[in-house]
Amino acid sequence: MNHSPDPSSVGETVFAFDKRVRAVVLPYRHSAPAKAIDWMSKVGDQAQMRVVAGGVIAVGLLRRDPRMIGAGIRMLAAHEVATVAKDWVKGRVVRTRPRNPVPGDAHKPHEGHDTRKEKSSFPSGHATGAAASATAFAAVYPQHALAAEAAAAAVAAGRIPGCKHYPSDVAAGAAIGIGSAVLVGALWRAAAWLVAGRTAGR
């Protein structure tokens, strides 16, 4: 017998959970704690993430630390790859943000194209950028992986209390970010191997 879960059933479970979370947080989205959490989560925006990566590069240059410079470059590259991937998905999926009325199945994502901000909830760009940057940094500094990943998780989860995103938006964004960082890491290692091979062959 095939006991594999039905993808449509899994999706319905996820979206039902999204709707329940929305019902819990919606009445409090204008509260001081929700606003504070939302403000802190804005560090995951594109401009801020680029500044963070640039800061790591700058500190590495000041310290003459190739490892830190490389970490910053990988963070920036992972962020940019993740942003392209996230935008590609957003351009093909329509989902109403949870702060808006969601009658019936309006909370579910569906295929389509709508550039309006209120229709582009899936996936979360902040979660994408934070996860990409943290994963890239952790690959270079594994001793700081827990702190980096915890910070990224806090940024991502911070999009939920203010009804900016559903939990599945955040999860999808994080998955895109992590995948992008892993890809950049693989390309980085391949490039390093090629450079080392050429240097050794001289």
N, C-alpha and C. Protein backbone atom coordinates (compact mmCIF):
# COMPACT_ATOMS: atom_id res chain seq x y z
N MET A 1 0.84 -1.20 0.00
CA MET A 1 0.00 0.00 0.00
C MET A 1 0.87 1.25 0.00
N ASN A 2 0.40 2.26 -0.68
CA ASN A 2 1.13 3.52 -0.75
C ASN A 2 0.62 4.45 0.35
N HIS A 3 1.50 4.74 1.30
CA HIS A 3 1.10 5.58 2.43
C HIS A 3 1.64 7.00 2.28
N SER A 4 2.09 7.35 1.08
CA SER A 4 2.61 8.70 0.86
C SER A 4 1.48 9.71 1.03
N PRO A 5 1.75 10.82 1.70
CA PRO A 5 0.70 11.82 1.91
C PRO A 5 0.28 12.47 0.60
N ASP A 6 -0.98 12.76 0.48
CA ASP A 6 -1.51 13.44 -0.69
C ASP A 6 -1.06 14.90 -0.64
N PRO A 7 -0.33 15.37 -1.68
CA PRO A 7 0.15 16.77 -1.66
C PRO A 7 -0.95 17.78 -1.45
N SER A 8 -2.12 17.53 -2.05
CA SER A 8 -3.23 18.48 -1.89
C SER A 8 -3.72 18.50 -0.44
N SER A 9 -3.70 17.33 0.20
CA SER A 9 -4.11 17.26 1.61
C SER A 9 -3.12 17.99 2.50
N VAL A 10 -1.83 17.83 2.21
CA VAL A 10 -0.80 18.53 2.97
C VAL A 10 -0.96 20.04 2.81
N GLY A 11 -1.20 20.45 1.56
CA GLY A 11 -1.39 21.88 1.29
C GLY A 11 -2.58 22.44 2.05
N GLU A 12 -3.68 21.71 2.06
CA GLU A 12 -4.87 22.17 2.77
C GLU A 12 -4.60 22.30 4.27
N THR A 13 -3.81 21.37 4.80
CA THR A 13 -3.46 21.42 6.23
C THR A 13 -2.62 22.66 6.52
N VAL A 14 -1.66 22.93 5.65
CA VAL A 14 -0.79 24.10 5.81
C VAL A 14 -1.59 25.39 5.75
N PHE A 15 -2.48 25.48 4.76
CA PHE A 15 -3.25 26.72 4.59
C PHE A 15 -4.27 26.90 5.71
N ALA A 16 -4.79 25.80 6.22
CA ALA A 16 -5.70 25.89 7.36
C ALA A 16 -4.95 26.40 8.59
N PHE A 17 -3.71 25.94 8.76
CA PHE A 17 -2.89 26.42 9.87
C PHE A 17 -2.61 27.91 9.71
N ASP A 18 -2.29 28.32 8.46
CA ASP A 18 -2.07 29.75 8.18
C ASP A 18 -3.27 30.58 8.62
N LYS A 19 -4.45 30.09 8.28
CA LYS A 19 -5.66 30.85 8.58
C LYS A 19 -5.90 30.93 10.09
N ARG A 20 -5.58 29.85 10.80
CA ARG A 20 -5.75 29.87 12.25
C ARG A 20 -4.77 30.85 12.91
N VAL A 21 -3.54 30.86 12.42
CA VAL A 21 -2.55 31.79 12.96
C VAL A 21 -2.99 33.22 12.70
N ARG A 22 -3.49 33.48 11.51
CA ARG A 22 -3.98 34.82 11.17
C ARG A 22 -5.08 35.24 12.14
N ALA A 23 -6.00 34.33 12.43
CA ALA A 23 -7.11 34.66 13.32
C ALA A 23 -6.61 35.02 14.72
N VAL A 24 -5.52 34.38 15.14
CA VAL A 24 -4.97 34.64 16.47
C VAL A 24 -4.27 35.99 16.54
N VAL A 25 -3.44 36.30 15.52
CA VAL A 25 -2.60 37.51 15.60
C VAL A 25 -3.29 38.77 15.07
N LEU A 26 -4.29 38.62 14.21
CA LEU A 26 -4.91 39.79 13.59
C LEU A 26 -5.41 40.83 14.59
N PRO A 27 -6.09 40.44 15.67
CA PRO A 27 -6.59 41.46 16.61
C PRO A 27 -5.49 42.26 17.31
N TYR A 28 -4.28 41.73 17.29
CA TYR A 28 -3.18 42.38 18.02
C TYR A 28 -2.13 43.00 17.11
N ARG A 29 -2.40 43.05 15.81
CA ARG A 29 -1.35 43.48 14.89
C ARG A 29 -0.97 44.95 15.05
N HIS A 30 -1.83 45.74 15.66
CA HIS A 30 -1.50 47.15 15.90
C HIS A 30 -1.01 47.40 17.33
N SER A 31 -0.82 46.34 18.08
CA SER A 31 -0.35 46.48 19.46
C SER A 31 1.12 46.88 19.48
N ALA A 32 1.57 47.42 20.59
CA ALA A 32 2.97 47.85 20.72
C ALA A 32 3.94 46.69 20.53
N PRO A 33 3.71 45.53 21.14
CA PRO A 33 4.64 44.41 20.93
C PRO A 33 4.72 43.98 19.47
N ALA A 34 3.57 43.91 18.80
CA ALA A 34 3.57 43.50 17.39
C ALA A 34 4.31 44.51 16.53
N LYS A 35 4.13 45.79 16.82
CA LYS A 35 4.83 46.82 16.07
C LYS A 35 6.33 46.78 16.32
N ALA A 36 6.71 46.50 17.56
CA ALA A 36 8.14 46.40 17.90
C ALA A 36 8.79 45.22 17.18
N ILE A 37 8.10 44.10 17.18
CA ILE A 37 8.61 42.91 16.49
C ILE A 37 8.72 43.18 15.00
N ASP A 38 7.70 43.82 14.44
CA ASP A 38 7.72 44.14 13.01
C ASP A 38 8.87 45.08 12.68
N TRP A 39 9.11 46.05 13.53
CA TRP A 39 10.21 47.00 13.29
C TRP A 39 11.55 46.28 13.28
N MET A 40 11.75 45.37 14.22
CA MET A 40 13.02 44.63 14.28
C MET A 40 13.19 43.71 13.07
N SER A 41 12.08 43.18 12.56
CA SER A 41 12.16 42.26 11.43
C SER A 41 12.53 42.96 10.13
N LYS A 42 12.44 44.28 10.11
CA LYS A 42 12.75 45.02 8.89
C LYS A 42 14.22 44.96 8.51
N VAL A 43 15.06 44.49 9.43
CA VAL A 43 16.48 44.31 9.10
C VAL A 43 16.63 43.31 7.96
N GLY A 44 15.61 42.48 7.75
CA GLY A 44 15.66 41.50 6.67
C GLY A 44 15.34 42.04 5.30
N ASP A 45 15.03 43.32 5.19
CA ASP A 45 14.73 43.91 3.88
C ASP A 45 15.99 43.93 3.03
N GLN A 46 15.81 44.08 1.72
CA GLN A 46 16.93 43.96 0.79
C GLN A 46 18.05 44.95 1.08
N ALA A 47 17.71 46.21 1.25
CA ALA A 47 18.74 47.22 1.47
C ALA A 47 19.54 46.94 2.74
N GLN A 48 18.83 46.58 3.80
CA GLN A 48 19.49 46.31 5.07
C GLN A 48 20.40 45.09 4.99
N MET A 49 19.97 44.05 4.31
CA MET A 49 20.79 42.85 4.17
C MET A 49 22.04 43.13 3.36
N ARG A 50 21.91 43.99 2.37
CA ARG A 50 23.10 44.36 1.58
C ARG A 50 24.07 45.17 2.43
N VAL A 51 23.53 46.01 3.29
CA VAL A 51 24.40 46.78 4.19
C VAL A 51 25.13 45.84 5.16
N VAL A 52 24.42 44.85 5.68
CA VAL A 52 25.04 43.89 6.60
C VAL A 52 26.18 43.16 5.90
N ALA A 53 25.92 42.66 4.69
CA ALA A 53 26.97 41.96 3.94
C ALA A 53 28.13 42.89 3.63
N GLY A 54 27.80 44.12 3.23
CA GLY A 54 28.85 45.10 2.96
C GLY A 54 29.66 45.42 4.20
N GLY A 55 28.99 45.44 5.35
CA GLY A 55 29.70 45.69 6.61
C GLY A 55 30.69 44.59 6.93
N VAL A 56 30.29 43.34 6.68
CA VAL A 56 31.19 42.21 6.91
C VAL A 56 32.41 42.32 5.99
N ILE A 57 32.17 42.68 4.73
CA ILE A 57 33.28 42.85 3.79
C ILE A 57 34.20 43.98 4.26
N ALA A 58 33.61 45.10 4.68
CA ALA A 58 34.40 46.25 5.11
C ALA A 58 35.26 45.92 6.32
N VAL A 59 34.68 45.22 7.29
CA VAL A 59 35.45 44.82 8.48
C VAL A 59 36.58 43.87 8.08
N GLY A 60 36.27 42.97 7.15
CA GLY A 60 37.30 42.06 6.67
C GLY A 60 38.45 42.78 6.00
N LEU A 61 38.13 43.81 5.23
CA LEU A 61 39.17 44.60 4.56
C LEU A 61 40.01 45.35 5.59
N LEU A 62 39.36 45.93 6.59
CA LEU A 62 40.09 46.66 7.63
C LEU A 62 41.01 45.73 8.42
N ARG A 63 40.55 44.52 8.64
CA ARG A 63 41.34 43.55 9.41
C ARG A 63 42.30 42.76 8.53
N ARG A 64 42.19 42.98 7.23
CA ARG A 64 42.98 42.20 6.27
C ARG A 64 42.75 40.70 6.49
N ASP A 65 41.48 40.38 6.55
CA ASP A 65 41.04 39.03 6.87
C ASP A 65 40.32 38.43 5.66
N PRO A 66 41.02 37.65 4.82
CA PRO A 66 40.40 37.08 3.62
C PRO A 66 39.17 36.22 3.92
N ARG A 67 39.21 35.52 5.05
CA ARG A 67 38.06 34.68 5.40
C ARG A 67 36.81 35.52 5.62
N MET A 68 36.94 36.62 6.33
CA MET A 68 35.79 37.48 6.58
C MET A 68 35.33 38.17 5.30
N ILE A 69 36.28 38.58 4.48
CA ILE A 69 35.91 39.19 3.20
C ILE A 69 35.11 38.19 2.37
N GLY A 70 35.60 36.95 2.33
CA GLY A 70 34.89 35.91 1.60
C GLY A 70 33.50 35.66 2.14
N ALA A 71 33.37 35.70 3.47
CA ALA A 71 32.05 35.50 4.08
C ALA A 71 31.08 36.59 3.63
N GLY A 72 31.55 37.83 3.62
CA GLY A 72 30.69 38.93 3.20
C GLY A 72 30.29 38.82 1.74
N ILE A 73 31.25 38.42 0.90
CA ILE A 73 30.94 38.26 -0.53
C ILE A 73 29.93 37.14 -0.73
N ARG A 74 30.11 36.06 -0.01
CA ARG A 74 29.17 34.94 -0.12
C ARG A 74 27.78 35.33 0.38
N MET A 75 27.74 36.12 1.45
CA MET A 75 26.45 36.61 1.95
C MET A 75 25.74 37.45 0.90
N LEU A 76 26.49 38.35 0.29
CA LEU A 76 25.91 39.23 -0.72
C LEU A 76 25.45 38.43 -1.94
N ALA A 77 26.30 37.50 -2.39
CA ALA A 77 25.94 36.69 -3.55
C ALA A 77 24.71 35.83 -3.27
N ALA A 78 24.68 35.21 -2.09
CA ALA A 78 23.53 34.37 -1.73
C ALA A 78 22.26 35.20 -1.66
N HIS A 79 22.37 36.39 -1.10
CA HIS A 79 21.21 37.28 -1.00
C HIS A 79 20.69 37.65 -2.38
N GLU A 80 21.59 37.97 -3.30
CA GLU A 80 21.15 38.39 -4.64
C GLU A 80 20.52 37.23 -5.40
N VAL A 81 21.12 36.04 -5.30
CA VAL A 81 20.54 34.87 -5.96
C VAL A 81 19.16 34.58 -5.38
N ALA A 82 19.06 34.65 -4.06
CA ALA A 82 17.78 34.40 -3.39
C ALA A 82 16.73 35.42 -3.79
N THR A 83 17.14 36.67 -3.93
CA THR A 83 16.20 37.73 -4.31
C THR A 83 15.65 37.49 -5.70
N VAL A 84 16.52 37.08 -6.62
CA VAL A 84 16.06 36.77 -7.98
C VAL A 84 15.07 35.61 -7.95
N ALA A 85 15.40 34.57 -7.20
CA ALA A 85 14.50 33.41 -7.10
C ALA A 85 13.17 33.79 -6.46
N LYS A 86 13.24 34.57 -5.41
CA LYS A 86 12.01 35.01 -4.72
C LYS A 86 11.13 35.84 -5.64
N ASP A 87 11.75 36.76 -6.37
CA ASP A 87 10.99 37.60 -7.30
C ASP A 87 10.35 36.77 -8.41
N TRP A 88 11.06 35.74 -8.83
CA TRP A 88 10.53 34.86 -9.88
C TRP A 88 9.25 34.18 -9.37
N VAL A 89 9.29 33.70 -8.15
CA VAL A 89 8.11 33.05 -7.57
C VAL A 89 6.98 34.06 -7.37
N LYS A 90 7.31 35.22 -6.80
CA LYS A 90 6.29 36.25 -6.57
C LYS A 90 5.59 36.65 -7.87
N GLY A 91 6.33 36.62 -8.96
CA GLY A 91 5.76 37.00 -10.24
C GLY A 91 4.81 35.98 -10.81
N ARG A 92 4.73 34.81 -10.17
CA ARG A 92 3.90 33.73 -10.68
C ARG A 92 2.87 33.22 -9.67
N VAL A 93 2.91 33.78 -8.47
CA VAL A 93 1.97 33.37 -7.43
C VAL A 93 1.28 34.60 -6.83
N VAL A 94 -0.03 34.53 -6.72
CA VAL A 94 -0.81 35.62 -6.12
C VAL A 94 -1.32 35.14 -4.77
N ARG A 95 -1.09 35.96 -3.76
CA ARG A 95 -1.64 35.64 -2.44
C ARG A 95 -1.90 36.93 -1.68
N THR A 96 -3.11 37.07 -1.18
CA THR A 96 -3.49 38.25 -0.42
C THR A 96 -2.80 38.24 0.94
N ARG A 97 -2.25 39.38 1.34
CA ARG A 97 -1.59 39.45 2.64
C ARG A 97 -2.60 39.28 3.77
N PRO A 98 -2.17 38.68 4.87
CA PRO A 98 -3.12 38.36 5.95
C PRO A 98 -3.74 39.55 6.64
N ARG A 99 -3.21 40.75 6.43
CA ARG A 99 -3.82 41.93 7.07
C ARG A 99 -5.08 42.37 6.33
N ASN A 100 -5.35 41.77 5.17
CA ASN A 100 -6.54 42.09 4.39
C ASN A 100 -7.64 41.06 4.63
N PRO A 101 -8.90 41.42 4.31
CA PRO A 101 -9.99 40.45 4.44
C PRO A 101 -9.72 39.22 3.59
N VAL A 102 -9.99 38.04 4.13
CA VAL A 102 -9.73 36.81 3.39
C VAL A 102 -10.98 35.91 3.41
N PRO A 103 -12.04 36.30 2.72
CA PRO A 103 -13.24 35.47 2.67
C PRO A 103 -12.99 34.19 1.89
N GLY A 104 -13.60 33.11 2.34
CA GLY A 104 -13.48 31.85 1.62
C GLY A 104 -12.04 31.36 1.54
N ASP A 105 -11.59 31.15 0.30
CA ASP A 105 -10.23 30.65 0.06
C ASP A 105 -9.25 31.76 -0.30
N ALA A 106 -9.59 32.98 0.04
CA ALA A 106 -8.73 34.12 -0.34
C ALA A 106 -7.36 34.06 0.32
N HIS A 107 -7.24 33.26 1.39
CA HIS A 107 -5.95 33.15 2.08
C HIS A 107 -4.99 32.20 1.37
N LYS A 108 -5.48 31.48 0.38
CA LYS A 108 -4.64 30.49 -0.30
C LYS A 108 -3.90 31.12 -1.49
N PRO A 109 -2.66 30.71 -1.70
CA PRO A 109 -1.94 31.21 -2.88
C PRO A 109 -2.46 30.51 -4.14
N HIS A 110 -2.39 31.21 -5.24
CA HIS A 110 -2.78 30.59 -6.51
C HIS A 110 -1.94 31.16 -7.64
N GLU A 111 -1.88 30.43 -8.71
CA GLU A 111 -1.07 30.84 -9.86
C GLU A 111 -1.64 32.11 -10.48
N GLY A 112 -0.76 33.02 -10.84
CA GLY A 112 -1.19 34.27 -11.45
C GLY A 112 -0.11 35.32 -11.36
N HIS A 113 -0.44 36.51 -11.81
CA HIS A 113 0.53 37.61 -11.78
C HIS A 113 -0.18 38.88 -11.33
N ASP A 114 0.27 39.42 -10.21
CA ASP A 114 -0.31 40.65 -9.67
C ASP A 114 0.79 41.37 -8.90
N THR A 115 1.22 42.51 -9.40
CA THR A 115 2.36 43.22 -8.80
C THR A 115 1.98 44.08 -7.60
N ARG A 116 0.69 44.16 -7.27
CA ARG A 116 0.28 44.95 -6.12
C ARG A 116 0.83 44.34 -4.83
N LYS A 117 1.32 45.20 -3.95
CA LYS A 117 1.93 44.74 -2.70
C LYS A 117 1.00 43.87 -1.89
N GLU A 118 -0.27 44.22 -1.86
CA GLU A 118 -1.23 43.47 -1.05
C GLU A 118 -1.57 42.11 -1.64
N LYS A 119 -1.09 41.84 -2.84
CA LYS A 119 -1.35 40.55 -3.49
C LYS A 119 -0.07 39.74 -3.66
N SER A 120 1.00 40.16 -3.00
CA SER A 120 2.29 39.48 -3.19
C SER A 120 2.85 38.97 -1.87
N SER A 121 2.02 38.26 -1.14
CA SER A 121 2.44 37.77 0.18
C SER A 121 3.40 36.59 0.10
N PHE A 122 3.31 35.82 -0.97
CA PHE A 122 4.08 34.58 -1.07
C PHE A 122 5.19 34.69 -2.11
N PRO A 123 6.44 34.38 -1.70
CA PRO A 123 6.94 34.09 -0.36
C PRO A 123 7.42 35.36 0.34
N SER A 124 7.86 35.25 1.58
CA SER A 124 8.35 36.41 2.32
C SER A 124 9.76 36.78 1.87
N GLY A 125 9.92 38.00 1.38
CA GLY A 125 11.23 38.46 0.95
C GLY A 125 12.19 38.64 2.11
N HIS A 126 11.68 39.10 3.25
CA HIS A 126 12.53 39.29 4.42
C HIS A 126 13.08 37.95 4.91
N ALA A 127 12.23 36.93 4.94
CA ALA A 127 12.68 35.60 5.35
C ALA A 127 13.70 35.06 4.36
N THR A 128 13.47 35.31 3.08
CA THR A 128 14.39 34.86 2.04
C THR A 128 15.77 35.45 2.24
N GLY A 129 15.83 36.78 2.35
CA GLY A 129 17.12 37.45 2.48
C GLY A 129 17.85 37.10 3.75
N ALA A 130 17.12 37.04 4.85
CA ALA A 130 17.75 36.73 6.14
C ALA A 130 18.30 35.31 6.15
N ALA A 131 17.54 34.36 5.62
CA ALA A 131 17.99 32.97 5.60
C ALA A 131 19.19 32.80 4.68
N ALA A 132 19.18 33.46 3.53
CA ALA A 132 20.30 33.36 2.60
C ALA A 132 21.57 33.90 3.23
N SER A 133 21.49 35.07 3.82
CA SER A 133 22.66 35.70 4.43
C SER A 133 23.19 34.90 5.61
N ALA A 134 22.29 34.45 6.47
CA ALA A 134 22.71 33.70 7.65
C ALA A 134 23.35 32.37 7.27
N THR A 135 22.76 31.68 6.30
CA THR A 135 23.30 30.39 5.88
C THR A 135 24.67 30.55 5.25
N ALA A 136 24.84 31.60 4.44
CA ALA A 136 26.14 31.85 3.82
C ALA A 136 27.19 32.18 4.87
N PHE A 137 26.82 32.99 5.86
CA PHE A 137 27.76 33.35 6.92
C PHE A 137 28.12 32.12 7.75
N ALA A 138 27.12 31.32 8.08
CA ALA A 138 27.35 30.13 8.90
C ALA A 138 28.25 29.11 8.22
N ALA A 139 28.22 29.09 6.89
CA ALA A 139 29.07 28.15 6.15
C ALA A 139 30.55 28.49 6.33
N VAL A 140 30.85 29.77 6.51
CA VAL A 140 32.23 30.21 6.69
C VAL A 140 32.62 30.20 8.17
N TYR A 141 31.66 30.53 9.02
CA TYR A 141 31.90 30.58 10.47
C TYR A 141 30.94 29.63 11.18
N PRO A 142 31.16 28.32 11.05
CA PRO A 142 30.22 27.36 11.66
C PRO A 142 30.09 27.50 13.17
N GLN A 143 31.11 28.05 13.81
CA GLN A 143 31.04 28.24 15.26
C GLN A 143 30.00 29.29 15.64
N HIS A 144 29.61 30.11 14.67
CA HIS A 144 28.58 31.13 14.91
C HIS A 144 27.27 30.79 14.20
N ALA A 145 27.16 29.55 13.73
CA ALA A 145 25.98 29.16 12.95
C ALA A 145 24.69 29.30 13.75
N LEU A 146 24.70 28.86 14.99
CA LEU A 146 23.48 28.91 15.80
C LEU A 146 23.00 30.34 15.98
N ALA A 147 23.92 31.25 16.27
CA ALA A 147 23.54 32.66 16.46
C ALA A 147 23.01 33.26 15.17
N ALA A 148 23.69 32.97 14.05
CA ALA A 148 23.27 33.52 12.76
C ALA A 148 21.89 32.99 12.37
N GLU A 149 21.70 31.70 12.53
CA GLU A 149 20.43 31.09 12.15
C GLU A 149 19.29 31.53 13.08
N ALA A 150 19.60 31.73 14.35
CA ALA A 150 18.59 32.20 15.29
C ALA A 150 18.16 33.62 14.94
N ALA A 151 19.12 34.45 14.55
CA ALA A 151 18.80 35.82 14.15
C ALA A 151 17.92 35.82 12.91
N ALA A 152 18.26 34.97 11.94
CA ALA A 152 17.46 34.88 10.72
C ALA A 152 16.06 34.38 11.02
N ALA A 153 15.96 33.40 11.91
CA ALA A 153 14.64 32.87 12.28
C ALA A 153 13.79 33.93 12.96
N ALA A 154 14.43 34.75 13.79
CA ALA A 154 13.70 35.82 14.48
C ALA A 154 13.18 36.85 13.48
N VAL A 155 14.02 37.19 12.51
CA VAL A 155 13.60 38.14 11.47
C VAL A 155 12.43 37.57 10.69
N ALA A 156 12.54 36.31 10.30
CA ALA A 156 11.49 35.67 9.51
C ALA A 156 10.19 35.57 10.29
N ALA A 157 10.26 35.08 11.52
CA ALA A 157 9.06 34.93 12.34
C ALA A 157 8.44 36.27 12.68
N GLY A 158 9.26 37.31 12.69
CA GLY A 158 8.76 38.65 13.01
C GLY A 158 7.81 39.22 11.98
N ARG A 159 7.70 38.57 10.84
CA ARG A 159 6.78 39.04 9.80
C ARG A 159 5.35 38.58 10.06
N ILE A 160 5.17 37.68 11.02
CA ILE A 160 3.85 37.10 11.25
C ILE A 160 2.97 37.92 12.20
N PRO A 161 3.45 38.40 13.35
CA PRO A 161 2.57 39.11 14.29
C PRO A 161 1.89 40.35 13.71
N GLY A 162 2.57 41.04 12.81
CA GLY A 162 1.98 42.23 12.20
C GLY A 162 1.14 41.92 10.98
N CYS A 163 0.90 40.63 10.73
CA CYS A 163 0.09 40.17 9.58
C CYS A 163 0.69 40.61 8.25
N LYS A 164 2.01 40.66 8.19
CA LYS A 164 2.67 40.95 6.91
C LYS A 164 2.72 39.69 6.04
N HIS A 165 2.84 38.53 6.72
CA HIS A 165 2.93 37.26 6.01
C HIS A 165 2.29 36.14 6.81
N TYR A 166 1.90 35.09 6.08
CA TYR A 166 1.46 33.85 6.70
C TYR A 166 2.69 33.01 7.05
N PRO A 167 2.55 32.06 7.98
CA PRO A 167 3.68 31.18 8.30
C PRO A 167 4.26 30.46 7.08
N SER A 168 3.41 30.01 6.17
CA SER A 168 3.93 29.31 4.99
C SER A 168 4.68 30.24 4.05
N ASP A 169 4.33 31.53 4.04
CA ASP A 169 5.11 32.50 3.26
C ASP A 169 6.53 32.57 3.80
N VAL A 170 6.62 32.60 5.12
CA VAL A 170 7.91 32.69 5.80
C VAL A 170 8.72 31.42 5.56
N ALA A 171 8.07 30.26 5.69
CA ALA A 171 8.77 28.99 5.48
C ALA A 171 9.28 28.87 4.05
N ALA A 172 8.46 29.27 3.09
CA ALA A 172 8.88 29.21 1.69
C ALA A 172 10.05 30.15 1.42
N GLY A 173 9.97 31.35 1.98
CA GLY A 173 11.07 32.30 1.81
C GLY A 173 12.36 31.78 2.40
N ALA A 174 12.28 31.19 3.59
CA ALA A 174 13.47 30.64 4.24
C ALA A 174 14.06 29.51 3.40
N ALA A 175 13.21 28.67 2.84
CA ALA A 175 13.69 27.57 2.01
C ALA A 175 14.42 28.09 0.77
N ILE A 176 13.88 29.12 0.16
CA ILE A 176 14.53 29.72 -1.01
C ILE A 176 15.88 30.31 -0.61
N GLY A 177 15.91 30.99 0.53
CA GLY A 177 17.15 31.59 0.99
C GLY A 177 18.22 30.56 1.29
N ILE A 178 17.85 29.51 2.00
CA ILE A 178 18.81 28.46 2.33
C ILE A 178 19.31 27.77 1.07
N GLY A 179 18.39 27.44 0.16
CA GLY A 179 18.79 26.80 -1.09
C GLY A 179 19.73 27.66 -1.90
N SER A 180 19.48 28.96 -1.93
CA SER A 180 20.34 29.88 -2.68
C SER A 180 21.74 29.93 -2.07
N ALA A 181 21.81 29.96 -0.74
CA ALA A 181 23.11 29.99 -0.07
C ALA A 181 23.89 28.71 -0.30
N VAL A 182 23.19 27.58 -0.30
CA VAL A 182 23.85 26.30 -0.57
C VAL A 182 24.40 26.28 -1.99
N LEU A 183 23.62 26.79 -2.94
CA LEU A 183 24.08 26.87 -4.33
C LEU A 183 25.31 27.75 -4.46
N VAL A 184 25.26 28.92 -3.86
CA VAL A 184 26.41 29.83 -3.90
C VAL A 184 27.63 29.18 -3.25
N GLY A 185 27.42 28.48 -2.15
CA GLY A 185 28.52 27.80 -1.48
C GLY A 185 29.17 26.75 -2.38
N ALA A 186 28.34 25.99 -3.10
CA ALA A 186 28.87 24.97 -4.00
C ALA A 186 29.67 25.62 -5.13
N LEU A 187 29.15 26.70 -5.69
CA LEU A 187 29.87 27.40 -6.75
C LEU A 187 31.16 28.02 -6.23
N TRP A 188 31.11 28.51 -5.01
CA TRP A 188 32.31 29.11 -4.39
C TRP A 188 33.41 28.07 -4.23
N ARG A 189 33.03 26.90 -3.75
CA ARG A 189 34.02 25.82 -3.57
C ARG A 189 34.56 25.34 -4.90
N ALA A 190 33.70 25.28 -5.91
CA ALA A 190 34.15 24.86 -7.23
C ALA A 190 35.14 25.87 -7.80
N ALA A 191 34.84 27.15 -7.62
CA ALA A 191 35.74 28.20 -8.11
C ALA A 191 37.08 28.14 -7.38
N ALA A 192 37.03 27.92 -6.06
CA ALA A 192 38.26 27.83 -5.27
C ALA A 192 39.10 26.64 -5.71
N TRP A 193 38.43 25.53 -6.02
CA TRP A 193 39.14 24.33 -6.48
C TRP A 193 39.81 24.59 -7.82
N LEU A 194 39.12 25.27 -8.72
CA LEU A 194 39.70 25.58 -10.03
C LEU A 194 40.90 26.51 -9.89
N VAL A 195 40.77 27.52 -9.05
CA VAL A 195 41.87 28.46 -8.84
C VAL A 195 43.07 27.75 -8.23
N ALA A 196 42.80 26.90 -7.24
CA ALA A 196 43.89 26.16 -6.60
C ALA A 196 44.58 25.24 -7.59
N GLY A 197 43.80 24.61 -8.47
CA GLY A 197 44.38 23.72 -9.47
C GLY A 197 45.26 24.46 -10.45
N ARG A 198 44.81 25.62 -10.88
CA ARG A 198 45.61 26.41 -11.81
C ARG A 198 46.89 26.92 -11.16
N THR A 199 46.77 27.32 -9.90
CA THR A 199 47.94 27.82 -9.18
C THR A 199 48.97 26.72 -8.99
N ALA A 200 48.49 25.53 -8.66
CA ALA A 200 49.40 24.40 -8.45
C ALA A 200 50.07 23.96 -9.74
N GLY A 201 49.38 24.20 -10.87
CA GLY A 201 49.92 23.77 -12.16
C GLY A 201 50.95 24.71 -12.75
N ARG A 202 51.16 25.83 -12.13
CA ARG A 202 52.14 26.78 -12.65
C ARG A 202 53.58 26.36 -12.33
